[in-house]
Amino acid sequence: MSRADQYMSLAEEVRAKAASEESPVLKAEWEILAETYVRLAEQSGDGGSAPAYDPIADMLERSSRRK
């Protein structure tokens, strides 16, 4: 799975959380996070520039340091 696909998957998961959220404030926050993942996916796609901050790479790097 490409990095862009990973971000789009995260966006879908977060949108599902937003859809089930009762609080309008939390729903909006979930939607904002989903849009952030979409932007990261677009930046990670073919021909796009690398994102300035890549949370997936950061998470993987931290995980490998713990081992």
PDB file of N, CA and C in Angstrom:
ATOM      1  N   MET A   1       0.855  -1.172   0.000  1.00  0.00           N
ATOM      2  CA  MET A   1       0.000   0.000   0.000  1.00  0.00           C
ATOM      3  C   MET A   1       0.902   1.237   0.000  1.00  0.00           C
ATOM      4  N   SER A   2       0.624   2.150  -0.911  1.00  0.00           N
ATOM      5  CA  SER A   2       1.436   3.365  -0.992  1.00  0.00           C
ATOM      6  C   SER A   2       1.135   4.288   0.190  1.00  0.00           C
ATOM      7  N   ARG A   3       2.019   5.241   0.405  1.00  0.00           N
ATOM      8  CA  ARG A   3       1.817   6.197   1.484  1.00  0.00           C
ATOM      9  C   ARG A   3       0.526   6.991   1.256  1.00  0.00           C
ATOM     10  N   ALA A   4       0.263   7.387   0.012  1.00  0.00           N
ATOM     11  CA  ALA A   4      -0.973   8.110  -0.303  1.00  0.00           C
ATOM     12  C   ALA A   4      -2.191   7.258   0.053  1.00  0.00           C
ATOM     13  N   ASP A   5      -2.132   5.969  -0.253  1.00  0.00           N
ATOM     14  CA  ASP A   5      -3.235   5.063   0.092  1.00  0.00           C
ATOM     15  C   ASP A   5      -3.408   4.949   1.606  1.00  0.00           C
ATOM     16  N   GLN A   6      -2.295   4.928   2.326  1.00  0.00           N
ATOM     17  CA  GLN A   6      -2.374   4.859   3.790  1.00  0.00           C
ATOM     18  C   GLN A   6      -3.083   6.090   4.351  1.00  0.00           C
ATOM     19  N   TYR A   7      -2.717   7.273   3.824  1.00  0.00           N
ATOM     20  CA  TYR A   7      -3.363   8.491   4.294  1.00  0.00           C
ATOM     21  C   TYR A   7      -4.850   8.508   3.943  1.00  0.00           C
ATOM     22  N   MET A   8      -5.197   8.042   2.753  1.00  0.00           N
ATOM     23  CA  MET A   8      -6.612   8.018   2.377  1.00  0.00           C
ATOM     24  C   MET A   8      -7.388   7.045   3.256  1.00  0.00           C
ATOM     25  N   SER A   9      -6.758   5.948   3.617  1.00  0.00           N
ATOM     26  CA  SER A   9      -7.394   4.991   4.524  1.00  0.00           C
ATOM     27  C   SER A   9      -7.642   5.627   5.890  1.00  0.00           C
ATOM     28  N   LEU A  10      -6.641   6.351   6.375  1.00  0.00           N
ATOM     29  CA  LEU A  10      -6.813   7.057   7.648  1.00  0.00           C
ATOM     30  C   LEU A  10      -7.926   8.095   7.549  1.00  0.00           C
ATOM     31  N   ALA A  11      -7.998   8.797   6.437  1.00  0.00           N
ATOM     32  CA  ALA A  11      -9.062   9.793   6.239  1.00  0.00           C
ATOM     33  C   ALA A  11     -10.434   9.125   6.294  1.00  0.00           C
ATOM     34  N   GLU A  12     -10.572   7.966   5.669  1.00  0.00           N
ATOM     35  CA  GLU A  12     -11.837   7.235   5.692  1.00  0.00           C
ATOM     36  C   GLU A  12     -12.205   6.803   7.108  1.00  0.00           C
ATOM     37  N   GLU A  13     -11.226   6.309   7.861  1.00  0.00           N
ATOM     38  CA  GLU A  13     -11.484   5.894   9.242  1.00  0.00           C
ATOM     39  C   GLU A  13     -11.949   7.074  10.090  1.00  0.00           C
ATOM     40  N   VAL A  14     -11.289   8.209   9.911  1.00  0.00           N
ATOM     41  CA  VAL A  14     -11.625   9.387  10.701  1.00  0.00           C
ATOM     42  C   VAL A  14     -13.002   9.924  10.302  1.00  0.00           C
ATOM     43  N   ARG A  15     -13.323   9.869   9.009  1.00  0.00           N
ATOM     44  CA  ARG A  15     -14.656  10.303   8.572  1.00  0.00           C
ATOM     45  C   ARG A  15     -15.741   9.407   9.154  1.00  0.00           C
ATOM     46  N   ALA A  16     -15.454   8.114   9.301  1.00  0.00           N
ATOM     47  CA  ALA A  16     -16.415   7.204   9.919  1.00  0.00           C
ATOM     48  C   ALA A  16     -16.649   7.599  11.372  1.00  0.00           C
ATOM     49  N   LYS A  17     -15.576   7.996  12.064  1.00  0.00           N
ATOM     50  CA  LYS A  17     -15.725   8.461  13.446  1.00  0.00           C
ATOM     51  C   LYS A  17     -16.564   9.731  13.481  1.00  0.00           C
ATOM     52  N   ALA A  18     -16.327  10.624  12.528  1.00  0.00           N
ATOM     53  CA  ALA A  18     -17.089  11.875  12.467  1.00  0.00           C
ATOM     54  C   ALA A  18     -18.568  11.590  12.249  1.00  0.00           C
ATOM     55  N   ALA A  19     -18.864  10.629  11.394  1.00  0.00           N
ATOM     56  CA  ALA A  19     -20.259  10.311  11.075  1.00  0.00           C
ATOM     57  C   ALA A  19     -21.018   9.787  12.285  1.00  0.00           C
ATOM     58  N   SER A  20     -20.322   9.127  13.195  1.00  0.00           N
ATOM     59  CA  SER A  20     -20.992   8.563  14.366  1.00  0.00           C
ATOM     60  C   SER A  20     -20.917   9.478  15.593  1.00  0.00           C
ATOM     61  N   GLU A  21     -20.257  10.617  15.443  1.00  0.00           N
ATOM     62  CA  GLU A  21     -20.080  11.543  16.573  1.00  0.00           C
ATOM     63  C   GLU A  21     -21.327  12.401  16.766  1.00  0.00           C
ATOM     64  N   GLU A  22     -21.787  12.486  18.006  1.00  0.00           N
ATOM     65  CA  GLU A  22     -22.965  13.292  18.317  1.00  0.00           C
ATOM     66  C   GLU A  22     -22.621  14.755  18.569  1.00  0.00           C
ATOM     67  N   SER A  23     -21.476  15.006  19.140  1.00  0.00           N
ATOM     68  CA  SER A  23     -21.074  16.373  19.453  1.00  0.00           C
ATOM     69  C   SER A  23     -20.686  17.110  18.166  1.00  0.00           C
ATOM     70  N   PRO A  24     -21.320  18.248  17.881  1.00  0.00           N
ATOM     71  CA  PRO A  24     -20.966  19.007  16.676  1.00  0.00           C
ATOM     72  C   PRO A  24     -19.509  19.478  16.685  1.00  0.00           C
ATOM     73  N   VAL A  25     -18.994  19.795  17.846  1.00  0.00           N
ATOM     74  CA  VAL A  25     -17.611  20.261  17.946  1.00  0.00           C
ATOM     75  C   VAL A  25     -16.650  19.123  17.628  1.00  0.00           C
ATOM     76  N   LEU A  26     -16.850  17.972  18.236  1.00  0.00           N
ATOM     77  CA  LEU A  26     -15.980  16.826  17.968  1.00  0.00           C
ATOM     78  C   LEU A  26     -16.125  16.341  16.527  1.00  0.00           C
ATOM     79  N   LYS A  27     -17.350  16.371  16.005  1.00  0.00           N
ATOM     80  CA  LYS A  27     -17.570  15.988  14.612  1.00  0.00           C
ATOM     81  C   LYS A  27     -16.739  16.881  13.683  1.00  0.00           C
ATOM     82  N   ALA A  28     -16.753  18.182  13.945  1.00  0.00           N
ATOM     83  CA  ALA A  28     -15.978  19.122  13.130  1.00  0.00           C
ATOM     84  C   ALA A  28     -14.485  18.841  13.243  1.00  0.00           C
ATOM     85  N   GLU A  29     -14.017  18.532  14.442  1.00  0.00           N
ATOM     86  CA  GLU A  29     -12.596  18.223  14.627  1.00  0.00           C
ATOM     87  C   GLU A  29     -12.205  16.969  13.862  1.00  0.00           C
ATOM     88  N   TRP A  30     -13.043  15.928  13.884  1.00  0.00           N
ATOM     89  CA  TRP A  30     -12.761  14.708  13.121  1.00  0.00           C
ATOM     90  C   TRP A  30     -12.702  15.034  11.629  1.00  0.00           C
ATOM     91  N   GLU A  31     -13.622  15.889  11.153  1.00  0.00           N
ATOM     92  CA  GLU A  31     -13.629  16.260   9.732  1.00  0.00           C
ATOM     93  C   GLU A  31     -12.364  17.026   9.346  1.00  0.00           C
ATOM     94  N   ILE A  32     -11.918  17.915  10.223  1.00  0.00           N
ATOM     95  CA  ILE A  32     -10.684  18.657   9.969  1.00  0.00           C
ATOM     96  C   ILE A  32      -9.499  17.699   9.871  1.00  0.00           C
ATOM     97  N   LEU A  33      -9.445  16.724  10.779  1.00  0.00           N
ATOM     98  CA  LEU A  33      -8.363  15.736  10.740  1.00  0.00           C
ATOM     99  C   LEU A  33      -8.422  14.921   9.448  1.00  0.00           C
ATOM    100  N   ALA A  34      -9.623  14.539   9.025  1.00  0.00           N
ATOM    101  CA  ALA A  34      -9.771  13.788   7.777  1.00  0.00           C
ATOM    102  C   ALA A  34      -9.246  14.598   6.596  1.00  0.00           C
ATOM    103  N   GLU A  35      -9.570  15.877   6.550  1.00  0.00           N
ATOM    104  CA  GLU A  35      -9.080  16.729   5.460  1.00  0.00           C
ATOM    105  C   GLU A  35      -7.558  16.860   5.494  1.00  0.00           C
ATOM    106  N   THR A  36      -6.988  16.866   6.676  1.00  0.00           N
ATOM    107  CA  THR A  36      -5.527  16.914   6.799  1.00  0.00           C
ATOM    108  C   THR A  36      -4.905  15.663   6.182  1.00  0.00           C
ATOM    109  N   TYR A  37      -5.505  14.507   6.459  1.00  0.00           N
ATOM    110  CA  TYR A  37      -5.000  13.261   5.861  1.00  0.00           C
ATOM    111  C   TYR A  37      -5.151  13.275   4.345  1.00  0.00           C
ATOM    112  N   VAL A  38      -6.237  13.840   3.843  1.00  0.00           N
ATOM    113  CA  VAL A  38      -6.418  13.932   2.395  1.00  0.00           C
ATOM    114  C   VAL A  38      -5.324  14.800   1.782  1.00  0.00           C
ATOM    115  N   ARG A  39      -5.016  15.927   2.427  1.00  0.00           N
ATOM    116  CA  ARG A  39      -3.948  16.796   1.917  1.00  0.00           C
ATOM    117  C   ARG A  39      -2.603  16.073   1.937  1.00  0.00           C
ATOM    118  N   LEU A  40      -2.338  15.320   2.990  1.00  0.00           N
ATOM    119  CA  LEU A  40      -1.097  14.548   3.047  1.00  0.00           C
ATOM    120  C   LEU A  40      -1.065  13.498   1.938  1.00  0.00           C
ATOM    121  N   ALA A  41      -2.196  12.872   1.665  1.00  0.00           N
ATOM    122  CA  ALA A  41      -2.264  11.888   0.584  1.00  0.00           C
ATOM    123  C   ALA A  41      -1.950  12.541  -0.751  1.00  0.00           C
ATOM    124  N   GLU A  42      -2.519  13.718  -0.968  1.00  0.00           N
ATOM    125  CA  GLU A  42      -2.266  14.434  -2.220  1.00  0.00           C
ATOM    126  C   GLU A  42      -0.787  14.794  -2.356  1.00  0.00           C
ATOM    127  N   GLN A  43      -0.164  15.194  -1.269  1.00  0.00           N
ATOM    128  CA  GLN A  43       1.250  15.549  -1.300  1.00  0.00           C
ATOM    129  C   GLN A  43       2.132  14.325  -1.489  1.00  0.00           C
ATOM    130  N   SER A  44       1.641  13.165  -1.079  1.00  0.00           N
ATOM    131  CA  SER A  44       2.428  11.935  -1.163  1.00  0.00           C
ATOM    132  C   SER A  44       2.246  11.213  -2.483  1.00  0.00           C
ATOM    133  N   GLY A  45       1.295  11.658  -3.296  1.00  0.00           N
ATOM    134  CA  GLY A  45       0.980  10.981  -4.547  1.00  0.00           C
ATOM    135  C   GLY A  45       2.072  11.125  -5.582  1.00  0.00           C
ATOM    136  N   ASP A  46       1.893  10.462  -6.686  1.00  0.00           N
ATOM    137  CA  ASP A  46       2.857  10.494  -7.787  1.00  0.00           C
ATOM    138  C   ASP A  46       3.091  11.920  -8.259  1.00  0.00           C
ATOM    139  N   GLY A  47       4.337  12.302  -8.348  1.00  0.00           N
ATOM    140  CA  GLY A  47       4.692  13.609  -8.852  1.00  0.00           C
ATOM    141  C   GLY A  47       4.574  14.727  -7.844  1.00  0.00           C
ATOM    142  N   GLY A  48       4.019  14.444  -6.684  1.00  0.00           N
ATOM    143  CA  GLY A  48       3.865  15.476  -5.673  1.00  0.00           C
ATOM    144  C   GLY A  48       5.109  15.596  -4.819  1.00  0.00           C
ATOM    145  N   SER A  49       5.223  16.704  -4.152  1.00  0.00           N
ATOM    146  CA  SER A  49       6.358  16.867  -3.247  1.00  0.00           C
ATOM    147  C   SER A  49       6.086  16.117  -1.953  1.00  0.00           C
ATOM    148  N   ALA A  50       7.118  15.738  -1.287  1.00  0.00           N
ATOM    149  CA  ALA A  50       6.979  15.023  -0.021  1.00  0.00           C
ATOM    150  C   ALA A  50       6.403  15.971   1.029  1.00  0.00           C
ATOM    151  N   PRO A  51       5.542  15.465   1.899  1.00  0.00           N
ATOM    152  CA  PRO A  51       4.999  16.321   2.947  1.00  0.00           C
ATOM    153  C   PRO A  51       6.104  16.831   3.861  1.00  0.00           C
ATOM    154  N   ALA A  52       5.924  18.030   4.380  1.00  0.00           N
ATOM    155  CA  ALA A  52       6.908  18.596   5.298  1.00  0.00           C
ATOM    156  C   ALA A  52       6.999  17.747   6.564  1.00  0.00           C
ATOM    157  N   TYR A  53       5.864  17.215   6.986  1.00  0.00           N
ATOM    158  CA  TYR A  53       5.836  16.349   8.162  1.00  0.00           C
ATOM    159  C   TYR A  53       5.066  15.102   7.780  1.00  0.00           C
ATOM    160  N   ASP A  54       5.659  13.957   7.974  1.00  0.00           N
ATOM    161  CA  ASP A  54       5.038  12.689   7.616  1.00  0.00           C
ATOM    162  C   ASP A  54       4.760  11.909   8.890  1.00  0.00           C
ATOM    163  N   PRO A  55       3.518  11.968   9.420  1.00  0.00           N
ATOM    164  CA  PRO A  55       3.232  11.296  10.690  1.00  0.00           C
ATOM    165  C   PRO A  55       3.409   9.787  10.640  1.00  0.00           C
ATOM    166  N   ILE A  56       3.163   9.168   9.503  1.00  0.00           N
ATOM    167  CA  ILE A  56       3.342   7.719   9.414  1.00  0.00           C
ATOM    168  C   ILE A  56       4.819   7.370   9.540  1.00  0.00           C
ATOM    169  N   ALA A  57       5.677   8.093   8.822  1.00  0.00           N
ATOM    170  CA  ALA A  57       7.116   7.838   8.930  1.00  0.00           C
ATOM    171  C   ALA A  57       7.606   8.110  10.347  1.00  0.00           C
ATOM    172  N   ASP A  58       7.100   9.161  10.953  1.00  0.00           N
ATOM    173  CA  ASP A  58       7.487   9.489  12.322  1.00  0.00           C
ATOM    174  C   ASP A  58       7.088   8.375  13.284  1.00  0.00           C
ATOM    175  N   MET A  59       5.878   7.858  13.132  1.00  0.00           N
ATOM    176  CA  MET A  59       5.393   6.780  13.987  1.00  0.00           C
ATOM    177  C   MET A  59       6.249   5.524  13.797  1.00  0.00           C
ATOM    178  N   LEU A  60       6.574   5.194  12.541  1.00  0.00           N
ATOM    179  CA  LEU A  60       7.384   4.010  12.267  1.00  0.00           C
ATOM    180  C   LEU A  60       8.794   4.171  12.842  1.00  0.00           C
ATOM    181  N   GLU A  61       9.330   5.383  12.714  1.00  0.00           N
ATOM    182  CA  GLU A  61      10.671   5.642  13.249  1.00  0.00           C
ATOM    183  C   GLU A  61      10.693   5.496  14.774  1.00  0.00           C
ATOM    184  N   ARG A  62       9.705   6.067  15.450  1.00  0.00           N
ATOM    185  CA  ARG A  62       9.632   5.944  16.912  1.00  0.00           C
ATOM    186  C   ARG A  62       9.458   4.501  17.329  1.00  0.00           C
ATOM    187  N   SER A  63       8.671   3.770  16.582  1.00  0.00           N
ATOM    188  CA  SER A  63       8.429   2.354  16.900  1.00  0.00           C
ATOM    189  C   SER A  63       9.711   1.547  16.767  1.00  0.00           C
ATOM    190  N   SER A  64      10.512   1.831  15.737  1.00  0.00           N
ATOM    191  CA  SER A  64      11.746   1.068  15.544  1.00  0.00           C
ATOM    192  C   SER A  64      12.792   1.401  16.609  1.00  0.00           C
ATOM    193  N   ARG A  65      12.749   2.620  17.146  1.00  0.00           N
ATOM    194  CA  ARG A  65      13.700   2.987  18.196  1.00  0.00           C
ATOM    195  C   ARG A  65      13.385   2.303  19.517  1.00  0.00           C
ATOM    196  N   ARG A  66      12.140   1.930  19.733  1.00  0.00           N
ATOM    197  CA  ARG A  66      11.732   1.277  20.994  1.00  0.00           C
ATOM    198  C   ARG A  66      12.164  -0.167  21.069  1.00  0.00           C
ATOM    199  N   LYS A  67      12.490  -0.761  19.936  1.00  0.00           N
ATOM    200  CA  LYS A  67      12.832  -2.201  19.917  1.00  0.00           C
ATOM    201  C   LYS A  67      14.241  -2.433  20.351  1.00  0.00           C
TER     202      LYS A  67
END
